[in-house]
């Protein structure tokens, strides 16, 4: 299907994207995407999206951030982006390292701002195509989806089970997922999902092959998508989408022969097929099933699937099968288990297993440590206005933690956070007042 790239304003662009989504839902594929991706309206939208991101002030190897491009005249900026896209040569990304939760360092690539604008233009246009065909229970880096939806979905599967609780969980870990994505397979999947504009595919290929600069040396990239690039999350979701549907069609999202999908699931269960539920967030995923034997069979199949279909490897020590009635699983910072309901006067011996999620204590401690560091900075800030800005930053961090954990059973966690932060704030303010008192005492 050929897409007319003419749009005059953001409303028309949104209508065009909605139209693409609807047609992609019908199974259509698309040509003529380049003109829409590099229409002036799309370019301006892309720049606004990048400007609102906290990384907008970070520069790539050309040392230019978003401010440089915002100062250019409108016509000059649009012409520059279009000219860059027509003769596209993606510059290598600047590589830095950030700490991981396990103490190791994660490589992060920072593209130039012009490359980021180009990537965002492409992302805006291909998103409705792929979103229409993505698996419903994939939650990472997708619009209107978040960590809390993935956690709630796991709890719902446990709570809605009548007899056979999906208590055996495969905790999946893909070894170096983003670093080992096969470029040839990825581009094939982009084409099969509906992106048939060869100019867009050529731009994506350029981005994948750009390489990175580290210690003033240019390293080529034959595998992987650069972590930190705007387009990397959506490309990773495209790469893993077939995996989602392969597992989903076994039970969770079967080919519908009945009006209601629940009836199809009952039909599969009657034929001896065990329930299987996949929940994925980027490269983190869990599969829930009802028997240990089925979990072992499925894990054996998945090791071969990832190796031969996706050219990826599952981590032997981190991909494990867990009985969540005996031990909680760790997923997205939460501990999740199946346990009996609380005793009540009306039900002194509850026999119904329900899903329960708790914040991971180790992650909570690290978050508190980060907030405490920011609180301790207050005593080093001389100006009141700067102190107010720092206090606003601290409050934002506290609200962020509360929002993240509130979908779980977290009253004890909140009490713990309040206690630690209050003590940290009290000690910092006490030291600040003592310092002021000593200064006044020196004057007199």
Protein backbone atom coordinates (compact mmCIF):
# COMPACT_ATOMS: atom_id res chain seq x y z
CA UNK A 1 0.00 0.00 0.00
CA UNK A 2 1.43 3.39 -1.01
CA UNK A 3 1.23 6.15 1.61
CA UNK A 4 0.81 9.75 0.51
CA UNK A 5 3.32 11.74 2.53
CA UNK A 6 1.54 15.12 2.31
CA UNK A 7 0.39 16.47 5.69
CA UNK A 8 -0.07 20.12 6.64
CA UNK A 9 -0.25 19.99 10.44
CA UNK A 10 0.03 17.69 13.47
CA UNK A 11 -3.69 16.80 13.35
CA UNK A 12 -3.34 15.49 9.81
CA UNK A 13 -0.20 13.61 10.79
CA UNK A 14 -2.03 11.91 13.66
CA UNK A 15 -4.91 11.00 11.34
CA UNK A 16 -2.43 9.55 8.85
CA UNK A 17 -0.75 7.47 11.56
CA UNK A 18 -4.13 6.20 12.79
CA UNK A 19 -4.98 5.23 9.20
CA UNK A 20 -1.68 3.33 8.88
CA UNK A 21 -2.40 1.52 12.15
CA UNK A 22 -5.88 0.46 11.00
CA UNK A 23 -4.60 -0.81 7.64
CA UNK A 24 -1.70 -2.62 9.29
CA UNK A 25 -4.23 -4.33 11.57
CA UNK A 26 -5.82 -5.67 8.38
CA UNK A 27 -2.46 -7.14 7.35
CA UNK A 28 -1.42 -4.52 4.80
CA UNK A 29 2.20 -3.59 4.06
CA UNK A 30 3.43 -0.10 3.18
CA UNK A 31 5.46 1.82 0.57
CA UNK A 32 6.07 5.57 0.33
CA UNK A 33 7.00 5.92 4.00
CA UNK A 34 10.12 8.03 3.36
CA UNK A 35 8.12 11.08 2.23
CA UNK A 36 5.93 10.94 5.34
CA UNK A 37 8.90 10.35 7.65
CA UNK A 38 10.70 13.45 6.38
CA UNK A 39 7.71 15.70 5.93
CA UNK A 40 8.31 19.06 7.73
CA UNK A 41 5.48 18.31 10.20
CA UNK A 42 7.02 14.95 11.13
CA UNK A 43 10.46 16.55 11.51
CA UNK A 44 9.12 19.23 13.86
CA UNK A 45 7.25 16.58 15.88
CA UNK A 46 10.44 14.51 16.13
CA UNK A 47 12.44 17.52 17.38
CA UNK A 48 9.78 18.31 20.00
CA UNK A 49 9.85 14.69 21.19
CA UNK A 50 13.64 14.76 21.55
CA UNK A 51 13.59 18.17 23.25
CA UNK A 52 11.29 16.82 25.99
CA UNK A 53 13.69 13.94 26.66
CA UNK A 54 16.26 14.39 29.43
CA UNK A 55 19.01 13.23 27.06
CA UNK A 56 18.49 16.22 24.76
CA UNK A 57 21.40 18.07 26.38
CA UNK A 58 23.78 15.13 25.79
CA UNK A 59 25.89 15.39 22.67
CA UNK A 60 27.37 12.74 20.38
CA UNK A 61 30.78 12.73 18.72
CA UNK A 62 30.04 16.08 16.99
CA UNK A 63 29.53 17.75 20.42
CA UNK A 64 26.23 19.36 19.35
CA UNK A 65 23.12 19.07 21.55
CA UNK A 66 19.50 19.98 20.76
CA UNK A 67 20.05 23.70 21.49
CA UNK A 68 22.23 24.08 18.40
CA UNK A 69 19.45 22.87 16.11
CA UNK A 70 16.70 24.81 17.90
CA UNK A 71 18.59 28.03 17.13
CA UNK A 72 18.66 27.38 13.38
CA UNK A 73 16.06 29.11 11.15
CA UNK A 74 13.05 26.88 10.47
CA UNK A 75 13.64 26.47 6.70
CA UNK A 76 17.35 25.79 7.20
CA UNK A 77 16.68 23.13 9.84
CA UNK A 78 14.08 21.30 7.73
CA UNK A 79 16.34 21.42 4.68
CA UNK A 80 19.28 20.10 6.73
CA UNK A 81 17.32 17.08 8.02
CA UNK A 82 15.91 16.22 4.58
CA UNK A 83 19.34 16.59 2.93
CA UNK A 84 20.88 14.37 5.62
CA UNK A 85 18.21 11.69 5.07
CA UNK A 86 18.67 11.75 1.28
CA UNK A 87 22.44 11.21 1.51
CA UNK A 88 22.44 9.32 4.77
CA UNK A 89 25.66 8.21 6.45
CA UNK A 90 25.08 7.51 10.14
CA UNK A 91 27.97 8.76 12.26
CA UNK A 92 29.44 6.37 14.84
CA UNK A 93 27.91 6.66 18.31
CA UNK A 94 29.88 7.85 21.31
CA UNK A 95 30.19 4.96 23.73
CA UNK A 96 30.00 5.40 27.49
CA UNK A 97 29.42 2.90 30.29
CA UNK A 98 26.77 2.99 33.01
CA UNK A 99 26.59 0.72 36.09
CA UNK A 100 24.20 -2.26 36.06
CA UNK A 101 22.33 -3.54 39.12
CA UNK A 102 24.75 -6.49 39.41
CA UNK A 103 27.78 -4.20 39.66
CA UNK A 104 28.93 -4.69 36.06
CA UNK A 105 29.02 -1.93 33.45
CA UNK A 106 26.56 -1.61 30.56
CA UNK A 107 27.73 -0.03 27.27
CA UNK A 108 25.57 2.88 26.12
CA UNK A 109 25.77 4.48 22.69
CA UNK A 110 25.03 8.19 22.23
CA UNK A 111 24.27 9.13 18.58
CA UNK A 112 24.74 12.64 17.24
CA UNK A 113 21.69 14.88 17.56
CA UNK A 114 21.09 14.91 13.80
CA UNK A 115 21.12 11.10 13.76
CA UNK A 116 18.67 11.11 16.69
CA UNK A 117 16.30 13.39 14.79
CA UNK A 118 16.50 11.08 11.77
CA UNK A 119 15.84 8.03 13.95
CA UNK A 120 12.88 9.68 15.65
CA UNK A 121 11.33 10.58 12.26
CA UNK A 122 11.55 6.91 11.25
CA UNK A 123 10.27 5.68 14.62
CA UNK A 124 7.19 7.92 14.41
CA UNK A 125 6.22 6.44 11.04
CA UNK A 126 6.96 2.75 11.62
CA UNK A 127 5.44 2.65 15.12
CA UNK A 128 1.77 2.35 14.00
CA UNK A 129 2.73 -0.36 11.47
CA UNK A 130 4.42 -2.57 14.05
CA UNK A 131 2.14 -1.73 16.98
CA UNK A 132 -0.80 -3.17 15.06
CA UNK A 133 1.05 -6.50 14.81
CA UNK A 134 2.83 -6.66 18.16
CA UNK A 135 1.84 -9.23 20.75
CA UNK A 136 -0.73 -7.96 23.31
CA UNK A 137 1.33 -9.08 26.30
CA UNK A 138 4.59 -7.41 25.32
CA UNK A 139 4.89 -4.34 27.56
CA UNK A 140 8.37 -2.87 27.12
CA UNK A 141 8.86 0.50 25.37
CA UNK A 142 5.37 0.63 23.91
CA UNK A 143 2.78 3.44 24.09
CA UNK A 144 0.23 3.24 26.91
CA UNK A 145 2.07 0.30 28.51
CA UNK A 146 4.30 0.19 31.55
CA UNK A 147 5.92 -2.12 34.08
CA UNK A 148 2.81 -2.11 36.27
CA UNK A 149 0.70 -3.62 33.48
CA UNK A 150 3.09 -6.58 33.15
CA UNK A 151 3.07 -7.21 36.92
CA UNK A 152 -0.72 -6.93 37.18
CA UNK A 153 -1.13 -9.36 34.26
CA UNK A 154 0.94 -12.03 36.05
CA UNK A 155 -1.15 -11.59 39.20
CA UNK A 156 -4.36 -11.84 37.15
CA UNK A 157 -3.31 -15.17 35.60
CA UNK A 158 -2.74 -16.62 39.07
CA UNK A 159 -5.93 -15.23 40.57
CA UNK A 160 -8.21 -16.18 37.66
CA UNK A 161 -7.12 -19.85 37.63
CA UNK A 162 -9.82 -22.12 39.02
CA UNK A 163 -8.02 -25.41 39.58
CA UNK A 164 -4.72 -25.56 37.69
CA UNK A 165 -2.64 -22.64 38.98
CA UNK A 166 0.11 -21.61 36.49
CA UNK A 167 2.65 -21.92 39.29
CA UNK A 168 5.66 -23.14 37.29
CA UNK A 169 7.41 -20.13 35.81
CA UNK A 170 10.27 -20.03 33.31
CA UNK A 171 12.31 -16.94 34.14
CA UNK A 172 13.90 -16.02 30.81
CA UNK A 173 17.23 -14.28 30.38
CA UNK A 174 18.65 -13.67 26.88
CA UNK A 175 22.43 -13.39 26.98
CA UNK A 176 23.39 -9.95 25.65
CA UNK A 177 20.12 -9.55 23.72
CA UNK A 178 20.66 -6.01 22.38
CA UNK A 179 24.32 -6.68 21.61
CA UNK A 180 23.72 -9.86 19.58
CA UNK A 181 20.72 -9.10 17.37
CA UNK A 182 21.43 -10.38 13.85
CA UNK A 183 21.11 -7.49 11.36
CA UNK A 184 20.07 -9.65 8.40
CA UNK A 185 17.30 -11.37 10.37
CA UNK A 186 16.15 -8.04 11.83
CA UNK A 187 15.81 -6.41 8.39
CA UNK A 188 13.89 -9.45 7.14
CA UNK A 189 11.51 -9.16 10.09
CA UNK A 190 11.04 -5.42 9.40
CA UNK A 191 10.02 -6.28 5.84
CA UNK A 192 7.70 -9.12 6.89
CA UNK A 193 5.96 -6.99 9.49
CA UNK A 194 4.95 -4.50 6.78
CA UNK A 195 7.80 -1.99 6.23
CA UNK A 196 8.29 -2.35 2.46
CA UNK A 197 9.85 1.05 1.71
CA UNK A 198 13.42 0.08 0.78
CA UNK A 199 14.68 3.60 1.50
CA UNK A 200 13.55 3.31 5.14
CA UNK A 201 15.08 -0.16 5.40
CA UNK A 202 18.35 1.22 3.98
CA UNK A 203 18.38 3.96 6.64
CA UNK A 204 17.81 1.38 9.40
CA UNK A 205 20.65 -0.72 7.99
CA UNK A 206 22.95 2.32 8.06
CA UNK A 207 22.05 2.92 11.71
CA UNK A 208 22.83 -0.68 12.62
CA UNK A 209 26.21 -0.62 10.85
CA UNK A 210 27.33 2.79 12.18
CA UNK A 211 29.69 1.43 14.84
CA UNK A 212 30.96 3.31 17.88
CA UNK A 213 33.86 5.47 19.02
CA UNK A 214 35.72 4.37 22.13
CA UNK A 215 39.14 5.67 23.19
CA UNK A 216 39.35 7.55 19.85
CA UNK A 217 39.04 4.28 17.91
CA UNK A 218 36.20 3.49 15.48
CA UNK A 219 34.75 0.01 16.09
CA UNK A 220 32.45 -1.59 13.51
CA UNK A 221 29.20 -3.28 14.59
CA UNK A 222 28.27 -6.48 12.78
CA UNK A 223 25.71 -7.49 15.43
CA UNK A 224 23.31 -5.76 17.79
CA UNK A 225 21.41 -2.50 18.04
CA UNK A 226 23.13 0.39 19.83
CA UNK A 227 21.77 0.70 23.37
CA UNK A 228 20.80 4.32 23.89
CA UNK A 229 19.64 4.89 20.31
CA UNK A 230 16.05 6.12 19.96
CA UNK A 231 15.12 3.43 17.47
CA UNK A 232 16.72 0.48 19.32
CA UNK A 233 13.75 -0.46 21.59
CA UNK A 234 11.26 -0.69 18.71
CA UNK A 235 13.74 -2.71 16.62
CA UNK A 236 14.27 -5.12 19.54
CA UNK A 237 10.50 -5.56 19.85
CA UNK A 238 10.28 -6.30 16.10
CA UNK A 239 13.05 -8.89 16.49
CA UNK A 240 11.31 -10.69 19.38
CA UNK A 241 7.74 -10.38 18.07
CA UNK A 242 7.78 -13.80 16.36
CA UNK A 243 8.94 -15.35 19.64
CA UNK A 244 5.95 -13.75 21.39
CA UNK A 245 3.45 -15.11 18.88
CA UNK A 246 5.11 -18.54 18.72
CA UNK A 247 4.50 -19.04 22.45
CA UNK A 248 1.22 -17.12 22.51
CA UNK A 249 -0.46 -19.23 19.83
CA UNK A 250 0.21 -22.39 21.83
CA UNK A 251 -2.52 -21.36 24.30
CA UNK A 252 -2.63 -17.69 25.30
CA UNK A 253 -3.66 -16.20 21.92
CA UNK A 254 -4.74 -19.23 19.83
CA UNK A 255 -6.16 -19.03 16.34
CA UNK A 256 -9.77 -18.13 17.10
CA UNK A 257 -12.43 -20.57 15.99
CA UNK A 258 -14.96 -19.43 18.58
CA UNK A 259 -16.43 -15.98 19.22
CA UNK A 260 -14.69 -15.76 22.60
CA UNK A 261 -11.02 -16.56 23.05
CA UNK A 262 -11.81 -18.24 26.39
CA UNK A 263 -13.74 -20.92 24.52
CA UNK A 264 -10.73 -21.60 22.30
CA UNK A 265 -8.57 -22.00 25.39
CA UNK A 266 -11.07 -24.46 26.87
CA UNK A 267 -10.96 -26.41 23.59
CA UNK A 268 -7.17 -26.60 23.76
CA UNK A 269 -7.28 -27.69 27.40
CA UNK A 270 -9.75 -30.47 26.61
CA UNK A 271 -7.36 -31.76 23.95
CA UNK A 272 -4.62 -32.08 26.59
CA UNK A 273 -2.67 -28.86 25.92
CA UNK A 274 -1.43 -27.22 29.12
CA UNK A 275 -2.02 -23.48 29.70
CA UNK A 276 0.98 -21.26 28.89
CA UNK A 277 1.15 -17.51 29.50
CA UNK A 278 3.95 -15.27 28.22
CA UNK A 279 4.62 -11.81 29.64
CA UNK A 280 7.55 -9.91 28.13
CA UNK A 281 9.12 -6.54 28.90
CA UNK A 282 11.93 -5.81 26.39
CA UNK A 283 14.43 -8.66 26.84
CA UNK A 284 12.98 -9.74 30.22
CA UNK A 285 10.21 -12.35 30.03
CA UNK A 286 8.43 -15.06 32.00
CA UNK A 287 6.32 -17.99 30.83
CA UNK A 288 3.80 -19.45 33.27
CA UNK A 289 2.44 -22.99 33.01
CA UNK A 290 0.71 -25.55 35.22
CA UNK A 291 3.15 -28.47 35.40
CA UNK A 292 6.88 -28.79 35.87
CA UNK A 293 7.06 -31.33 33.05
CA UNK A 294 5.50 -28.86 30.60
CA UNK A 295 7.86 -26.11 31.77
CA UNK A 296 10.90 -28.34 31.20
CA UNK A 297 9.63 -29.40 27.75
CA UNK A 298 9.02 -25.78 26.78
CA UNK A 299 12.42 -24.61 28.05
CA UNK A 300 14.16 -27.31 26.02
CA UNK A 301 12.26 -26.14 22.93
CA UNK A 302 13.07 -22.46 23.60
CA UNK A 303 16.81 -23.07 23.84
CA UNK A 304 16.74 -24.46 20.29
CA UNK A 305 14.33 -21.75 19.09
CA UNK A 306 16.53 -18.89 20.22
CA UNK A 307 19.73 -20.53 18.97
CA UNK A 308 18.54 -21.45 15.48
CA UNK A 309 15.72 -19.00 14.73
CA UNK A 310 17.01 -15.83 16.38
CA UNK A 311 20.75 -16.55 16.64
CA UNK A 312 20.59 -15.73 20.35
CA UNK A 313 21.47 -17.74 23.45
CA UNK A 314 19.58 -18.15 26.72
CA UNK A 315 21.70 -17.72 29.81
CA UNK A 316 22.12 -21.19 31.37
CA UNK A 317 22.43 -19.98 34.96
CA UNK A 318 19.76 -17.25 34.83
CA UNK A 319 17.04 -19.02 32.79
CA UNK A 320 15.44 -21.21 35.43
CA UNK A 321 12.12 -22.87 36.30
CA UNK A 322 10.60 -21.73 39.60
CA UNK A 323 7.61 -23.03 41.56
CA UNK A 324 6.14 -19.73 42.77
CA UNK A 325 4.25 -21.45 45.60
CA UNK A 326 7.66 -22.28 47.10
CA UNK A 327 9.87 -19.41 46.00
CA UNK A 328 9.19 -15.96 44.49
CA UNK A 329 10.42 -14.98 41.05
CA UNK A 330 12.22 -11.71 40.36
CA UNK A 331 10.72 -9.71 37.51
CA UNK A 332 11.22 -6.00 36.78
CA UNK A 333 12.30 -5.31 40.35
CA UNK A 334 9.35 -7.12 41.94
CA UNK A 335 9.18 -10.38 43.87
CA UNK A 336 6.11 -12.36 42.76
CA UNK A 337 4.73 -15.50 44.40
CA UNK A 338 1.51 -17.48 44.80
CA UNK A 339 0.37 -17.67 48.41
CA UNK A 340 -2.81 -18.35 50.36
CA UNK A 341 -5.16 -15.52 51.21
CA UNK A 342 -4.97 -13.98 54.62
CA UNK A 343 -6.96 -15.56 57.40
CA UNK A 344 -10.17 -13.75 58.31
CA UNK A 345 -12.90 -14.48 60.87
CA UNK A 346 -15.14 -15.65 58.02
CA UNK A 347 -12.39 -17.74 56.43
CA UNK A 348 -9.96 -19.00 59.13
CA UNK A 349 -8.43 -21.63 56.79
CA UNK A 350 -8.25 -20.12 53.30
CA UNK A 351 -7.47 -22.66 50.56
CA UNK A 352 -7.35 -20.29 47.59
CA UNK A 353 -3.94 -19.39 46.17
CA UNK A 354 -3.60 -15.79 45.01
CA UNK A 355 -0.81 -13.83 43.37
CA UNK A 356 1.18 -11.41 45.50
CA UNK A 357 3.89 -8.98 44.40
CA UNK A 358 6.39 -7.23 46.64
CA UNK A 359 9.16 -4.70 45.99
CA UNK A 360 12.60 -6.28 45.81
CA UNK A 361 14.34 -5.12 49.04
CA UNK A 362 17.72 -4.82 47.31
CA UNK A 363 16.32 -2.45 44.68
CA UNK A 364 14.53 -0.39 47.35
CA UNK A 365 17.78 -0.01 49.32
CA UNK A 366 19.61 1.25 46.22
CA UNK A 367 16.84 3.79 45.52
CA UNK A 368 17.00 5.05 49.11
CA UNK A 369 20.77 5.34 48.86
CA UNK A 370 20.44 7.51 45.75
CA UNK A 371 17.87 9.79 47.44
CA UNK A 372 20.05 10.06 50.56
CA UNK A 373 22.99 11.22 48.42
CA UNK A 374 20.80 13.98 46.98
CA UNK A 375 19.61 14.97 50.46
CA UNK A 376 23.20 15.19 51.74
CA UNK A 377 24.04 17.59 48.90
CA UNK A 378 21.74 20.18 50.50
CA UNK A 379 24.32 21.13 53.13
CA UNK A 380 26.82 21.95 50.38
CA UNK A 381 24.47 24.31 48.49
CA UNK A 382 24.85 27.95 49.67
CA UNK A 383 21.98 29.72 47.86
CA UNK A 384 18.36 29.28 49.00
CA UNK A 385 17.02 29.18 45.42
CA UNK A 386 19.44 26.35 44.57
CA UNK A 387 18.36 24.51 47.73
CA UNK A 388 14.72 24.80 46.61
CA UNK A 389 15.61 23.34 43.20
CA UNK A 390 17.43 20.44 44.89
CA UNK A 391 14.47 19.81 47.22
CA UNK A 392 12.16 19.73 44.18
CA UNK A 393 14.45 17.14 42.58
CA UNK A 394 14.39 15.01 45.75
CA UNK A 395 10.58 15.18 45.95
CA UNK A 396 10.33 14.12 42.31
CA UNK A 397 12.51 11.07 43.04
CA UNK A 398 10.35 10.13 46.04
CA UNK A 399 7.14 10.43 43.97
CA UNK A 400 8.73 8.31 41.24
CA UNK A 401 9.52 5.52 43.72
CA UNK A 402 6.00 5.62 45.16
CA UNK A 403 4.43 5.44 41.69
CA UNK A 404 6.63 2.50 40.69
CA UNK A 405 5.92 0.36 43.77
CA UNK A 406 2.26 1.21 44.39
CA UNK A 407 0.95 -1.67 42.22
CA UNK A 408 2.39 -4.16 44.74
CA UNK A 409 1.86 -4.99 48.41
CA UNK A 410 4.11 -2.24 49.68
CA UNK A 411 2.81 -0.71 52.95
CA UNK A 412 5.83 -2.07 54.85
CA UNK A 413 8.13 -0.86 52.07
CA UNK A 414 6.64 2.64 52.19
CA UNK A 415 7.08 2.74 55.97
CA UNK A 416 10.70 1.66 55.53
CA UNK A 417 11.30 4.31 52.84
CA UNK A 418 9.68 7.03 55.02
CA UNK A 419 11.79 6.05 58.02
CA UNK A 420 15.11 6.02 56.14
CA UNK A 421 14.47 9.25 54.21
CA UNK A 422 13.25 11.09 57.31
CA UNK A 423 16.37 10.05 59.22
CA UNK A 424 18.61 11.09 56.35
CA UNK A 425 16.83 14.46 56.05
CA UNK A 426 16.95 15.02 59.83
CA UNK A 427 20.70 14.35 60.02
CA UNK A 428 21.44 16.58 57.03
CA UNK A 429 19.38 19.47 58.41
CA UNK A 430 20.94 18.99 61.86
CA UNK A 431 24.47 19.18 60.40
CA UNK A 432 23.48 22.21 58.36
CA UNK A 433 22.15 24.04 61.43
CA UNK A 434 25.23 23.11 63.47
CA UNK A 435 27.43 24.48 60.68
CA UNK A 436 25.46 27.74 60.61
CA UNK A 437 25.65 27.99 64.43
CA UNK A 438 29.42 27.51 64.38
CA UNK A 439 29.72 30.26 61.74
CA UNK A 440 27.67 32.68 63.86
CA UNK A 441 29.68 31.71 66.96
CA UNK A 442 32.89 32.56 65.10
CA UNK A 443 31.53 36.03 64.29
CA UNK A 444 30.81 36.81 67.93
